[in-house]
Amino acid sequence: MTTITDDFMRTMLQKTKNYCIVILKPGPNRSKPEADKIIWEHGRRNFMLRAGGKLSIVCPVSGGTEVSGICIFNAGVDETRKLMDDDPAVKANVLLYDTYSCRSFPGDSLPG
């Protein structure tokens, strides 16, 4: 196992950057017949945000839990809220969201 020194930790923590986590939850219209079509367009928009560099990580959550998805935006909370308020699923109350400011290491990624 790799040894992590205090100096290494201090150096690494100085390299962190602000991001915004979004927790998506089912909204009051999630069970409406047209919801799946709206979710499809929400997904299309996520692909556009990823291509534009604003949406770094997208994790849909399945299994009927109280959480529908988790996203990490390469933006601050205010900008992320503006982006989310324009989301078709949020506008249609199919999804609701909460935002959280966070810090992480630029370049981190999910394993391939």
PDB file of N, CA and C in Angstrom:
ATOM      1  N   MET A   1       0.834  -1.175   0.000  1.00  0.00           N
ATOM      2  CA  MET A   1       0.000   0.000   0.000  1.00  0.00           C
ATOM      3  C   MET A   1       0.889   1.252   0.000  1.00  0.00           C
ATOM      4  N   THR A   2       0.480   2.283  -0.704  1.00  0.00           N
ATOM      5  CA  THR A   2       1.236   3.522  -0.803  1.00  0.00           C
ATOM      6  C   THR A   2       1.151   4.310   0.497  1.00  0.00           C
ATOM      7  N   THR A   3       2.272   4.860   0.915  1.00  0.00           N
ATOM      8  CA  THR A   3       2.299   5.725   2.090  1.00  0.00           C
ATOM      9  C   THR A   3       1.955   7.149   1.654  1.00  0.00           C
ATOM     10  N   ILE A   4       1.031   7.766   2.343  1.00  0.00           N
ATOM     11  CA  ILE A   4       0.613   9.145   2.066  1.00  0.00           C
ATOM     12  C   ILE A   4       1.093  10.012   3.217  1.00  0.00           C
ATOM     13  N   THR A   5       2.006  10.908   2.906  1.00  0.00           N
ATOM     14  CA  THR A   5       2.572  11.779   3.946  1.00  0.00           C
ATOM     15  C   THR A   5       1.708  13.027   4.128  1.00  0.00           C
ATOM     16  N   ASP A   6       1.927  13.724   5.229  1.00  0.00           N
ATOM     17  CA  ASP A   6       1.240  14.992   5.472  1.00  0.00           C
ATOM     18  C   ASP A   6       1.598  16.015   4.390  1.00  0.00           C
ATOM     19  N   ASP A   7       2.864  16.060   3.987  1.00  0.00           N
ATOM     20  CA  ASP A   7       3.289  16.999   2.939  1.00  0.00           C
ATOM     21  C   ASP A   7       2.573  16.712   1.625  1.00  0.00           C
ATOM     22  N   PHE A   8       2.464  15.448   1.270  1.00  0.00           N
ATOM     23  CA  PHE A   8       1.751  15.077   0.049  1.00  0.00           C
ATOM     24  C   PHE A   8       0.302  15.549   0.126  1.00  0.00           C
ATOM     25  N   MET A   9      -0.344  15.299   1.269  1.00  0.00           N
ATOM     26  CA  MET A   9      -1.745  15.710   1.427  1.00  0.00           C
ATOM     27  C   MET A   9      -1.892  17.223   1.297  1.00  0.00           C
ATOM     28  N   ARG A  10      -1.017  17.989   1.952  1.00  0.00           N
ATOM     29  CA  ARG A  10      -1.086  19.455   1.866  1.00  0.00           C
ATOM     30  C   ARG A  10      -0.931  19.931   0.415  1.00  0.00           C
ATOM     31  N   THR A  11       0.018  19.346  -0.293  1.00  0.00           N
ATOM     32  CA  THR A  11       0.241  19.710  -1.694  1.00  0.00           C
ATOM     33  C   THR A  11      -0.985  19.379  -2.539  1.00  0.00           C
ATOM     34  N   MET A  12      -1.516  18.211  -2.360  1.00  0.00           N
ATOM     35  CA  MET A  12      -2.679  17.789  -3.160  1.00  0.00           C
ATOM     36  C   MET A  12      -3.911  18.645  -2.841  1.00  0.00           C
ATOM     37  N   LEU A  13      -4.158  18.926  -1.585  1.00  0.00           N
ATOM     38  CA  LEU A  13      -5.339  19.703  -1.213  1.00  0.00           C
ATOM     39  C   LEU A  13      -5.297  21.112  -1.798  1.00  0.00           C
ATOM     40  N   GLN A  14      -4.109  21.639  -2.044  1.00  0.00           N
ATOM     41  CA  GLN A  14      -3.991  22.956  -2.671  1.00  0.00           C
ATOM     42  C   GLN A  14      -4.397  22.919  -4.143  1.00  0.00           C
ATOM     43  N   LYS A  15      -4.463  21.740  -4.722  1.00  0.00           N
ATOM     44  CA  LYS A  15      -4.805  21.584  -6.136  1.00  0.00           C
ATOM     45  C   LYS A  15      -6.294  21.376  -6.373  1.00  0.00           C
ATOM     46  N   THR A  16      -7.088  21.305  -5.306  1.00  0.00           N
ATOM     47  CA  THR A  16      -8.514  21.055  -5.503  1.00  0.00           C
ATOM     48  C   THR A  16      -9.191  22.262  -6.146  1.00  0.00           C
ATOM     49  N   LYS A  17     -10.350  22.003  -6.724  1.00  0.00           N
ATOM     50  CA  LYS A  17     -11.120  23.016  -7.441  1.00  0.00           C
ATOM     51  C   LYS A  17     -12.575  22.909  -7.006  1.00  0.00           C
ATOM     52  N   ASN A  18     -13.301  24.011  -7.078  1.00  0.00           N
ATOM     53  CA  ASN A  18     -14.727  24.009  -6.741  1.00  0.00           C
ATOM     54  C   ASN A  18     -15.553  23.380  -7.858  1.00  0.00           C
ATOM     55  N   TYR A  19     -16.498  22.570  -7.458  1.00  0.00           N
ATOM     56  CA  TYR A  19     -17.471  21.954  -8.364  1.00  0.00           C
ATOM     57  C   TYR A  19     -18.832  22.045  -7.694  1.00  0.00           C
ATOM     58  N   CYS A  20     -19.844  21.528  -8.345  1.00  0.00           N
ATOM     59  CA  CYS A  20     -21.184  21.503  -7.763  1.00  0.00           C
ATOM     60  C   CYS A  20     -21.800  20.125  -7.975  1.00  0.00           C
ATOM     61  N   ILE A  21     -22.260  19.532  -6.898  1.00  0.00           N
ATOM     62  CA  ILE A  21     -22.964  18.247  -6.963  1.00  0.00           C
ATOM     63  C   ILE A  21     -24.459  18.524  -7.039  1.00  0.00           C
ATOM     64  N   VAL A  22     -25.127  17.795  -7.905  1.00  0.00           N
ATOM     65  CA  VAL A  22     -26.586  17.864  -8.008  1.00  0.00           C
ATOM     66  C   VAL A  22     -27.148  16.488  -7.666  1.00  0.00           C
ATOM     67  N   ILE A  23     -28.100  16.478  -6.757  1.00  0.00           N
ATOM     68  CA  ILE A  23     -28.835  15.256  -6.420  1.00  0.00           C
ATOM     69  C   ILE A  23     -30.226  15.409  -7.023  1.00  0.00           C
ATOM     70  N   LEU A  24     -30.559  14.527  -7.949  1.00  0.00           N
ATOM     71  CA  LEU A  24     -31.877  14.541  -8.587  1.00  0.00           C
ATOM     72  C   LEU A  24     -32.818  13.599  -7.860  1.00  0.00           C
ATOM     73  N   LYS A  25     -34.066  14.038  -7.727  1.00  0.00           N
ATOM     74  CA  LYS A  25     -35.094  13.243  -7.064  1.00  0.00           C
ATOM     75  C   LYS A  25     -36.336  13.224  -7.941  1.00  0.00           C
ATOM     76  N   PRO A  26     -37.152  12.184  -7.832  1.00  0.00           N
ATOM     77  CA  PRO A  26     -38.399  12.170  -8.607  1.00  0.00           C
ATOM     78  C   PRO A  26     -39.285  13.338  -8.184  1.00  0.00           C
ATOM     79  N   GLY A  27     -39.873  14.002  -9.181  1.00  0.00           N
ATOM     80  CA  GLY A  27     -40.794  15.096  -8.912  1.00  0.00           C
ATOM     81  C   GLY A  27     -42.229  14.607  -8.902  1.00  0.00           C
ATOM     82  N   PRO A  28     -43.162  15.499  -8.629  1.00  0.00           N
ATOM     83  CA  PRO A  28     -44.572  15.105  -8.537  1.00  0.00           C
ATOM     84  C   PRO A  28     -45.146  14.581  -9.856  1.00  0.00           C
ATOM     85  N   ASN A  29     -44.532  14.901 -10.997  1.00  0.00           N
ATOM     86  CA  ASN A  29     -45.038  14.431 -12.289  1.00  0.00           C
ATOM     87  C   ASN A  29     -44.251  13.250 -12.851  1.00  0.00           C
ATOM     88  N   ARG A  30     -43.404  12.613 -12.037  1.00  0.00           N
ATOM     89  CA  ARG A  30     -42.566  11.513 -12.532  1.00  0.00           C
ATOM     90  C   ARG A  30     -43.383  10.326 -13.024  1.00  0.00           C
ATOM     91  N   SER A  31     -44.548  10.095 -12.469  1.00  0.00           N
ATOM     92  CA  SER A  31     -45.334   8.926 -12.867  1.00  0.00           C
ATOM     93  C   SER A  31     -46.349   9.233 -13.977  1.00  0.00           C
ATOM     94  N   LYS A  32     -46.343  10.438 -14.487  1.00  0.00           N
ATOM     95  CA  LYS A  32     -47.262  10.795 -15.588  1.00  0.00           C
ATOM     96  C   LYS A  32     -46.829  10.080 -16.869  1.00  0.00           C
ATOM     97  N   PRO A  33     -47.781   9.791 -17.760  1.00  0.00           N
ATOM     98  CA  PRO A  33     -47.450   9.050 -18.988  1.00  0.00           C
ATOM     99  C   PRO A  33     -46.366   9.707 -19.851  1.00  0.00           C
ATOM    100  N   GLU A  34     -46.317  11.016 -19.899  1.00  0.00           N
ATOM    101  CA  GLU A  34     -45.346  11.700 -20.760  1.00  0.00           C
ATOM    102  C   GLU A  34     -43.969  11.850 -20.111  1.00  0.00           C
ATOM    103  N   ALA A  35     -43.802  11.387 -18.888  1.00  0.00           N
ATOM    104  CA  ALA A  35     -42.546  11.582 -18.148  1.00  0.00           C
ATOM    105  C   ALA A  35     -41.353  10.913 -18.828  1.00  0.00           C
ATOM    106  N   ASP A  36     -41.536   9.723 -19.377  1.00  0.00           N
ATOM    107  CA  ASP A  36     -40.402   9.032 -19.999  1.00  0.00           C
ATOM    108  C   ASP A  36     -39.860   9.805 -21.198  1.00  0.00           C
ATOM    109  N   LYS A  37     -40.740  10.416 -21.980  1.00  0.00           N
ATOM    110  CA  LYS A  37     -40.291  11.228 -23.112  1.00  0.00           C
ATOM    111  C   LYS A  37     -39.515  12.453 -22.607  1.00  0.00           C
ATOM    112  N   ILE A  38     -39.971  13.037 -21.540  1.00  0.00           N
ATOM    113  CA  ILE A  38     -39.283  14.200 -20.954  1.00  0.00           C
ATOM    114  C   ILE A  38     -37.919  13.789 -20.400  1.00  0.00           C
ATOM    115  N   ILE A  39     -37.853  12.627 -19.756  1.00  0.00           N
ATOM    116  CA  ILE A  39     -36.576  12.116 -19.241  1.00  0.00           C
ATOM    117  C   ILE A  39     -35.603  11.871 -20.400  1.00  0.00           C
ATOM    118  N   TRP A  40     -36.107  11.394 -21.524  1.00  0.00           N
ATOM    119  CA  TRP A  40     -35.263  11.188 -22.700  1.00  0.00           C
ATOM    120  C   TRP A  40     -34.616  12.508 -23.143  1.00  0.00           C
ATOM    121  N   GLU A  41     -35.409  13.569 -23.162  1.00  0.00           N
ATOM    122  CA  GLU A  41     -34.883  14.886 -23.548  1.00  0.00           C
ATOM    123  C   GLU A  41     -33.945  15.445 -22.480  1.00  0.00           C
ATOM    124  N   HIS A  42     -34.206  15.134 -21.238  1.00  0.00           N
ATOM    125  CA  HIS A  42     -33.290  15.481 -20.140  1.00  0.00           C
ATOM    126  C   HIS A  42     -31.931  14.811 -20.401  1.00  0.00           C
ATOM    127  N   GLY A  43     -31.949  13.545 -20.799  1.00  0.00           N
ATOM    128  CA  GLY A  43     -30.716  12.831 -21.118  1.00  0.00           C
ATOM    129  C   GLY A  43     -29.982  13.454 -22.298  1.00  0.00           C
ATOM    130  N   ARG A  44     -30.736  13.844 -23.327  1.00  0.00           N
ATOM    131  CA  ARG A  44     -30.124  14.492 -24.490  1.00  0.00           C
ATOM    132  C   ARG A  44     -29.415  15.782 -24.053  1.00  0.00           C
ATOM    133  N   ARG A  45     -30.071  16.533 -23.185  1.00  0.00           N
ATOM    134  CA  ARG A  45     -29.483  17.782 -22.683  1.00  0.00           C
ATOM    135  C   ARG A  45     -28.227  17.493 -21.863  1.00  0.00           C
ATOM    136  N   ASN A  46     -28.249  16.416 -21.083  1.00  0.00           N
ATOM    137  CA  ASN A  46     -27.053  16.029 -20.336  1.00  0.00           C
ATOM    138  C   ASN A  46     -25.880  15.762 -21.273  1.00  0.00           C
ATOM    139  N   PHE A  47     -26.139  15.085 -22.393  1.00  0.00           N
ATOM    140  CA  PHE A  47     -25.080  14.843 -23.367  1.00  0.00           C
ATOM    141  C   PHE A  47     -24.540  16.159 -23.915  1.00  0.00           C
ATOM    142  N   MET A  48     -25.414  17.120 -24.159  1.00  0.00           N
ATOM    143  CA  MET A  48     -24.972  18.429 -24.652  1.00  0.00           C
ATOM    144  C   MET A  48     -24.126  19.150 -23.598  1.00  0.00           C
ATOM    145  N   LEU A  49     -24.555  19.092 -22.337  1.00  0.00           N
ATOM    146  CA  LEU A  49     -23.789  19.731 -21.262  1.00  0.00           C
ATOM    147  C   LEU A  49     -22.431  19.056 -21.075  1.00  0.00           C
ATOM    148  N   ARG A  50     -22.390  17.739 -21.237  1.00  0.00           N
ATOM    149  CA  ARG A  50     -21.108  17.013 -21.161  1.00  0.00           C
ATOM    150  C   ARG A  50     -20.199  17.448 -22.299  1.00  0.00           C
ATOM    151  N   ALA A  51     -20.739  17.522 -23.512  1.00  0.00           N
ATOM    152  CA  ALA A  51     -19.953  17.918 -24.676  1.00  0.00           C
ATOM    153  C   ALA A  51     -19.418  19.340 -24.522  1.00  0.00           C
ATOM    154  N   GLY A  52     -20.179  20.188 -23.832  1.00  0.00           N
ATOM    155  CA  GLY A  52     -19.767  21.564 -23.608  1.00  0.00           C
ATOM    156  C   GLY A  52     -18.856  21.769 -22.412  1.00  0.00           C
ATOM    157  N   GLY A  53     -18.547  20.694 -21.683  1.00  0.00           N
ATOM    158  CA  GLY A  53     -17.624  20.787 -20.565  1.00  0.00           C
ATOM    159  C   GLY A  53     -18.230  21.240 -19.247  1.00  0.00           C
ATOM    160  N   LYS A  54     -19.540  21.407 -19.193  1.00  0.00           N
ATOM    161  CA  LYS A  54     -20.183  21.859 -17.944  1.00  0.00           C
ATOM    162  C   LYS A  54     -20.551  20.703 -17.017  1.00  0.00           C
ATOM    163  N   LEU A  55     -20.881  19.554 -17.586  1.00  0.00           N
ATOM    164  CA  LEU A  55     -21.328  18.406 -16.796  1.00  0.00           C
ATOM    165  C   LEU A  55     -20.252  17.328 -16.872  1.00  0.00           C
ATOM    166  N   SER A  56     -19.562  17.114 -15.761  1.00  0.00           N
ATOM    167  CA  SER A  56     -18.409  16.211 -15.759  1.00  0.00           C
ATOM    168  C   SER A  56     -18.770  14.761 -15.495  1.00  0.00           C
ATOM    169  N   ILE A  57     -19.672  14.525 -14.575  1.00  0.00           N
ATOM    170  CA  ILE A  57     -20.040  13.162 -14.179  1.00  0.00           C
ATOM    171  C   ILE A  57     -21.563  13.074 -14.132  1.00  0.00           C
ATOM    172  N   VAL A  58     -22.116  12.028 -14.734  1.00  0.00           N
ATOM    173  CA  VAL A  58     -23.562  11.774 -14.712  1.00  0.00           C
ATOM    174  C   VAL A  58     -23.766  10.347 -14.232  1.00  0.00           C
ATOM    175  N   CYS A  59     -24.536  10.178 -13.172  1.00  0.00           N
ATOM    176  CA  CYS A  59     -24.796   8.848 -12.618  1.00  0.00           C
ATOM    177  C   CYS A  59     -26.287   8.666 -12.369  1.00  0.00           C
ATOM    178  N   PRO A  60     -27.031   8.129 -13.343  1.00  0.00           N
ATOM    179  CA  PRO A  60     -28.428   7.799 -13.069  1.00  0.00           C
ATOM    180  C   PRO A  60     -28.491   6.735 -11.964  1.00  0.00           C
ATOM    181  N   VAL A  61     -29.472   6.851 -11.108  1.00  0.00           N
ATOM    182  CA  VAL A  61     -29.663   5.896 -10.017  1.00  0.00           C
ATOM    183  C   VAL A  61     -30.955   5.139 -10.293  1.00  0.00           C
ATOM    184  N   SER A  62     -30.876   3.818 -10.290  1.00  0.00           N
ATOM    185  CA  SER A  62     -32.064   3.006 -10.559  1.00  0.00           C
ATOM    186  C   SER A  62     -32.494   2.273  -9.298  1.00  0.00           C
ATOM    187  N   GLY A  63     -33.604   1.606  -9.389  1.00  0.00           N
ATOM    188  CA  GLY A  63     -34.055   0.777  -8.277  1.00  0.00           C
ATOM    189  C   GLY A  63     -35.159   1.389  -7.447  1.00  0.00           C
ATOM    190  N   GLY A  64     -35.797   2.439  -7.956  1.00  0.00           N
ATOM    191  CA  GLY A  64     -36.941   2.999  -7.242  1.00  0.00           C
ATOM    192  C   GLY A  64     -36.591   3.676  -5.931  1.00  0.00           C
ATOM    193  N   THR A  65     -35.388   4.195  -5.801  1.00  0.00           N
ATOM    194  CA  THR A  65     -35.006   4.877  -4.572  1.00  0.00           C
ATOM    195  C   THR A  65     -35.513   6.315  -4.595  1.00  0.00           C
ATOM    196  N   GLU A  66     -35.247   7.050  -3.546  1.00  0.00           N
ATOM    197  CA  GLU A  66     -35.628   8.459  -3.479  1.00  0.00           C
ATOM    198  C   GLU A  66     -34.679   9.339  -4.280  1.00  0.00           C
ATOM    199  N   VAL A  67     -33.598   8.769  -4.790  1.00  0.00           N
ATOM    200  CA  VAL A  67     -32.638   9.511  -5.605  1.00  0.00           C
ATOM    201  C   VAL A  67     -32.715   8.988  -7.035  1.00  0.00           C
ATOM    202  N   SER A  68     -32.829   9.909  -7.995  1.00  0.00           N
ATOM    203  CA  SER A  68     -32.894   9.530  -9.406  1.00  0.00           C
ATOM    204  C   SER A  68     -31.544   9.636 -10.093  1.00  0.00           C
ATOM    205  N   GLY A  69     -30.664  10.475  -9.562  1.00  0.00           N
ATOM    206  CA  GLY A  69     -29.360  10.633 -10.182  1.00  0.00           C
ATOM    207  C   GLY A  69     -28.464  11.550  -9.392  1.00  0.00           C
ATOM    208  N   ILE A  70     -27.177  11.447  -9.691  1.00  0.00           N
ATOM    209  CA  ILE A  70     -26.165  12.301  -9.080  1.00  0.00           C
ATOM    210  C   ILE A  70     -25.288  12.818 -10.210  1.00  0.00           C
ATOM    211  N   CYS A  71     -25.038  14.107 -10.205  1.00  0.00           N
ATOM    212  CA  CYS A  71     -24.210  14.738 -11.239  1.00  0.00           C
ATOM    213  C   CYS A  71     -23.181  15.639 -10.579  1.00  0.00           C
ATOM    214  N   ILE A  72     -22.054  15.786 -11.246  1.00  0.00           N
ATOM    215  CA  ILE A  72     -21.045  16.754 -10.809  1.00  0.00           C
ATOM    216  C   ILE A  72     -20.830  17.727 -11.953  1.00  0.00           C
ATOM    217  N   PHE A  73     -21.093  18.992 -11.669  1.00  0.00           N
ATOM    218  CA  PHE A  73     -20.953  20.049 -12.657  1.00  0.00           C
ATOM    219  C   PHE A  73     -19.626  20.763 -12.490  1.00  0.00           C
ATOM    220  N   ASN A  74     -19.036  21.132 -13.602  1.00  0.00           N
ATOM    221  CA  ASN A  74     -17.828  21.938 -13.624  1.00  0.00           C
ATOM    222  C   ASN A  74     -18.270  23.402 -13.633  1.00  0.00           C
ATOM    223  N   ALA A  75     -18.936  23.798 -12.559  1.00  0.00           N
ATOM    224  CA  ALA A  75     -19.512  25.142 -12.432  1.00  0.00           C
ATOM    225  C   ALA A  75     -19.821  25.384 -10.960  1.00  0.00           C
ATOM    226  N   GLY A  76     -20.026  26.631 -10.625  1.00  0.00           N
ATOM    227  CA  GLY A  76     -20.430  26.978  -9.273  1.00  0.00           C
ATOM    228  C   GLY A  76     -21.911  26.701  -9.060  1.00  0.00           C
ATOM    229  N   VAL A  77     -22.360  26.869  -7.836  1.00  0.00           N
ATOM    230  CA  VAL A  77     -23.749  26.577  -7.479  1.00  0.00           C
ATOM    231  C   VAL A  77     -24.725  27.464  -8.260  1.00  0.00           C
ATOM    232  N   ASP A  78     -24.450  28.761  -8.347  1.00  0.00           N
ATOM    233  CA  ASP A  78     -25.378  29.664  -9.037  1.00  0.00           C
ATOM    234  C   ASP A  78     -25.532  29.303 -10.509  1.00  0.00           C
ATOM    235  N   GLU A  79     -24.414  29.069 -11.184  1.00  0.00           N
ATOM    236  CA  GLU A  79     -24.488  28.692 -12.601  1.00  0.00           C
ATOM    237  C   GLU A  79     -25.177  27.345 -12.770  1.00  0.00           C
ATOM    238  N   THR A  80     -24.886  26.416 -11.879  1.00  0.00           N
ATOM    239  CA  THR A  80     -25.514  25.091 -11.957  1.00  0.00           C
ATOM    240  C   THR A  80     -27.021  25.200 -11.765  1.00  0.00           C
ATOM    241  N   ARG A  81     -27.457  26.015 -10.824  1.00  0.00           N
ATOM    242  CA  ARG A  81     -28.906  26.193 -10.622  1.00  0.00           C
ATOM    243  C   ARG A  81     -29.563  26.762 -11.870  1.00  0.00           C
ATOM    244  N   LYS A  82     -28.905  27.710 -12.535  1.00  0.00           N
ATOM    245  CA  LYS A  82     -29.464  28.260 -13.777  1.00  0.00           C
ATOM    246  C   LYS A  82     -29.576  27.169 -14.836  1.00  0.00           C
ATOM    247  N   LEU A  83     -28.533  26.349 -14.946  1.00  0.00           N
ATOM    248  CA  LEU A  83     -28.577  25.246 -15.908  1.00  0.00           C
ATOM    249  C   LEU A  83     -29.682  24.257 -15.564  1.00  0.00           C
ATOM    250  N   MET A  84     -29.800  23.923 -14.301  1.00  0.00           N
ATOM    251  CA  MET A  84     -30.819  22.954 -13.891  1.00  0.00           C
ATOM    252  C   MET A  84     -32.230  23.505 -14.036  1.00  0.00           C
ATOM    253  N   ASP A  85     -32.416  24.779 -13.745  1.00  0.00           N
ATOM    254  CA  ASP A  85     -33.754  25.376 -13.881  1.00  0.00           C
ATOM    255  C   ASP A  85     -34.230  25.363 -15.325  1.00  0.00           C
ATOM    256  N   ASP A  86     -33.310  25.248 -16.277  1.00  0.00           N
ATOM    257  CA  ASP A  86     -33.659  25.201 -17.694  1.00  0.00           C
ATOM    258  C   ASP A  86     -33.789  23.764 -18.209  1.00  0.00           C
ATOM    259  N   ASP A  87     -33.572  22.793 -17.351  1.00  0.00           N
ATOM    260  CA  ASP A  87     -33.675  21.384 -17.731  1.00  0.00           C
ATOM    261  C   ASP A  87     -35.142  21.022 -17.994  1.00  0.00           C
ATOM    262  N   PRO A  88     -35.442  20.292 -19.084  1.00  0.00           N
ATOM    263  CA  PRO A  88     -36.843  19.971 -19.395  1.00  0.00           C
ATOM    264  C   PRO A  88     -37.537  19.152 -18.311  1.00  0.00           C
ATOM    265  N   ALA A  89     -36.822  18.250 -17.659  1.00  0.00           N
ATOM    266  CA  ALA A  89     -37.446  17.431 -16.616  1.00  0.00           C
ATOM    267  C   ALA A  89     -37.718  18.239 -15.351  1.00  0.00           C
ATOM    268  N   VAL A  90     -36.868  19.200 -15.071  1.00  0.00           N
ATOM    269  CA  VAL A  90     -37.091  20.077 -13.916  1.00  0.00           C
ATOM    270  C   VAL A  90     -38.250  21.021 -14.217  1.00  0.00           C
ATOM    271  N   LYS A  91     -38.254  21.587 -15.430  1.00  0.00           N
ATOM    272  CA  LYS A  91     -39.343  22.500 -15.809  1.00  0.00           C
ATOM    273  C   LYS A  91     -40.708  21.817 -15.754  1.00  0.00           C
ATOM    274  N   ALA A  92     -40.745  20.514 -16.067  1.00  0.00           N
ATOM    275  CA  ALA A  92     -42.007  19.768 -16.086  1.00  0.00           C
ATOM    276  C   ALA A  92     -42.308  19.114 -14.737  1.00  0.00           C
ATOM    277  N   ASN A  93     -41.508  19.377 -13.711  1.00  0.00           N
ATOM    278  CA  ASN A  93     -41.670  18.767 -12.387  1.00  0.00           C
ATOM    279  C   ASN A  93     -41.610  17.243 -12.409  1.00  0.00           C
ATOM    280  N   VAL A  94     -40.882  16.706 -13.391  1.00  0.00           N
ATOM    281  CA  VAL A  94     -40.621  15.271 -13.436  1.00  0.00           C
ATOM    282  C   VAL A  94     -39.452  14.955 -12.505  1.00  0.00           C
ATOM    283  N   LEU A  95     -38.518  15.899 -12.420  1.00  0.00           N
ATOM    284  CA  LEU A  95     -37.390  15.775 -11.504  1.00  0.00           C
ATOM    285  C   LEU A  95     -37.264  17.044 -10.661  1.00  0.00           C
ATOM    286  N   LEU A  96     -36.841  16.863  -9.437  1.00  0.00           N
ATOM    287  CA  LEU A  96     -36.480  17.956  -8.542  1.00  0.00           C
ATOM    288  C   LEU A  96     -34.990  17.808  -8.262  1.00  0.00           C
ATOM    289  N   TYR A  97     -34.363  18.865  -7.768  1.00  0.00           N
ATOM    290  CA  TYR A  97     -32.928  18.755  -7.512  1.00  0.00           C
ATOM    291  C   TYR A  97     -32.517  19.583  -6.310  1.00  0.00           C
ATOM    292  N   ASP A  98     -31.390  19.178  -5.727  1.00  0.00           N
ATOM    293  CA  ASP A  98     -30.689  19.935  -4.693  1.00  0.00           C
ATOM    294  C   ASP A  98     -29.255  20.121  -5.177  1.00  0.00           C
ATOM    295  N   THR A  99     -28.650  21.250  -4.835  1.00  0.00           N
ATOM    296  CA  THR A  99     -27.256  21.511  -5.206  1.00  0.00           C
ATOM    297  C   THR A  99     -26.394  21.609  -3.961  1.00  0.00           C
ATOM    298  N   TYR A 100     -25.129  21.196  -4.129  1.00  0.00           N
ATOM    299  CA  TYR A 100     -24.164  21.239  -3.038  1.00  0.00           C
ATOM    300  C   TYR A 100     -22.806  21.649  -3.602  1.00  0.00           C
ATOM    301  N   SER A 101     -22.221  22.654  -3.010  1.00  0.00           N
ATOM    302  CA  SER A 101     -20.875  23.049  -3.382  1.00  0.00           C
ATOM    303  C   SER A 101     -19.906  22.000  -2.861  1.00  0.00           C
ATOM    304  N   CYS A 102     -18.907  21.671  -3.670  1.00  0.00           N
ATOM    305  CA  CYS A 102     -17.918  20.682  -3.231  1.00  0.00           C
ATOM    306  C   CYS A 102     -16.563  21.015  -3.853  1.00  0.00           C
ATOM    307  N   ARG A 103     -15.551  20.301  -3.441  1.00  0.00           N
ATOM    308  CA  ARG A 103     -14.207  20.446  -4.005  1.00  0.00           C
ATOM    309  C   ARG A 103     -13.715  19.056  -4.377  1.00  0.00           C
ATOM    310  N   SER A 104     -12.928  19.003  -5.454  1.00  0.00           N
ATOM    311  CA  SER A 104     -12.313  17.750  -5.845  1.00  0.00           C
ATOM    312  C   SER A 104     -11.063  18.043  -6.640  1.00  0.00           C
ATOM    313  N   PHE A 105     -10.454  17.005  -7.128  1.00  0.00           N
ATOM    314  CA  PHE A 105      -9.189  17.117  -7.846  1.00  0.00           C
ATOM    315  C   PHE A 105      -9.453  17.140  -9.345  1.00  0.00           C
ATOM    316  N   PRO A 106      -9.054  18.218 -10.027  1.00  0.00           N
ATOM    317  CA  PRO A 106      -9.210  18.251 -11.479  1.00  0.00           C
ATOM    318  C   PRO A 106      -8.535  17.047 -12.118  1.00  0.00           C
ATOM    319  N   GLY A 107      -9.216  16.445 -13.082  1.00  0.00           N
ATOM    320  CA  GLY A 107      -8.664  15.274 -13.757  1.00  0.00           C
ATOM    321  C   GLY A 107      -9.116  13.957 -13.175  1.00  0.00           C
ATOM    322  N   ASP A 108      -9.727  13.955 -11.977  1.00  0.00           N
ATOM    323  CA  ASP A 108     -10.252  12.716 -11.448  1.00  0.00           C
ATOM    324  C   ASP A 108     -11.312  12.182 -12.398  1.00  0.00           C
ATOM    325  N   SER A 109     -11.425  10.878 -12.458  1.00  0.00           N
ATOM    326  CA  SER A 109     -12.425  10.281 -13.333  1.00  0.00           C
ATOM    327  C   SER A 109     -12.822   8.919 -12.798  1.00  0.00           C
ATOM    328  N   LEU A 110     -13.891   8.399 -13.346  1.00  0.00           N
ATOM    329  CA  LEU A 110     -14.320   7.061 -12.993  1.00  0.00           C
ATOM    330  C   LEU A 110     -13.433   6.063 -13.726  1.00  0.00           C
ATOM    331  N   PRO A 111     -13.169   4.904 -13.122  1.00  0.00           N
ATOM    332  CA  PRO A 111     -12.359   3.911 -13.823  1.00  0.00           C
ATOM    333  C   PRO A 111     -13.056   3.429 -15.084  1.00  0.00           C
ATOM    334  N   GLY A 112     -12.273   3.142 -16.116  1.00  0.00           N
ATOM    335  CA  GLY A 112     -12.819   2.707 -17.399  1.00  0.00           C
ATOM    336  C   GLY A 112     -13.193   1.267 -17.421  1.00  0.00           C
TER     337      GLY A 112
END
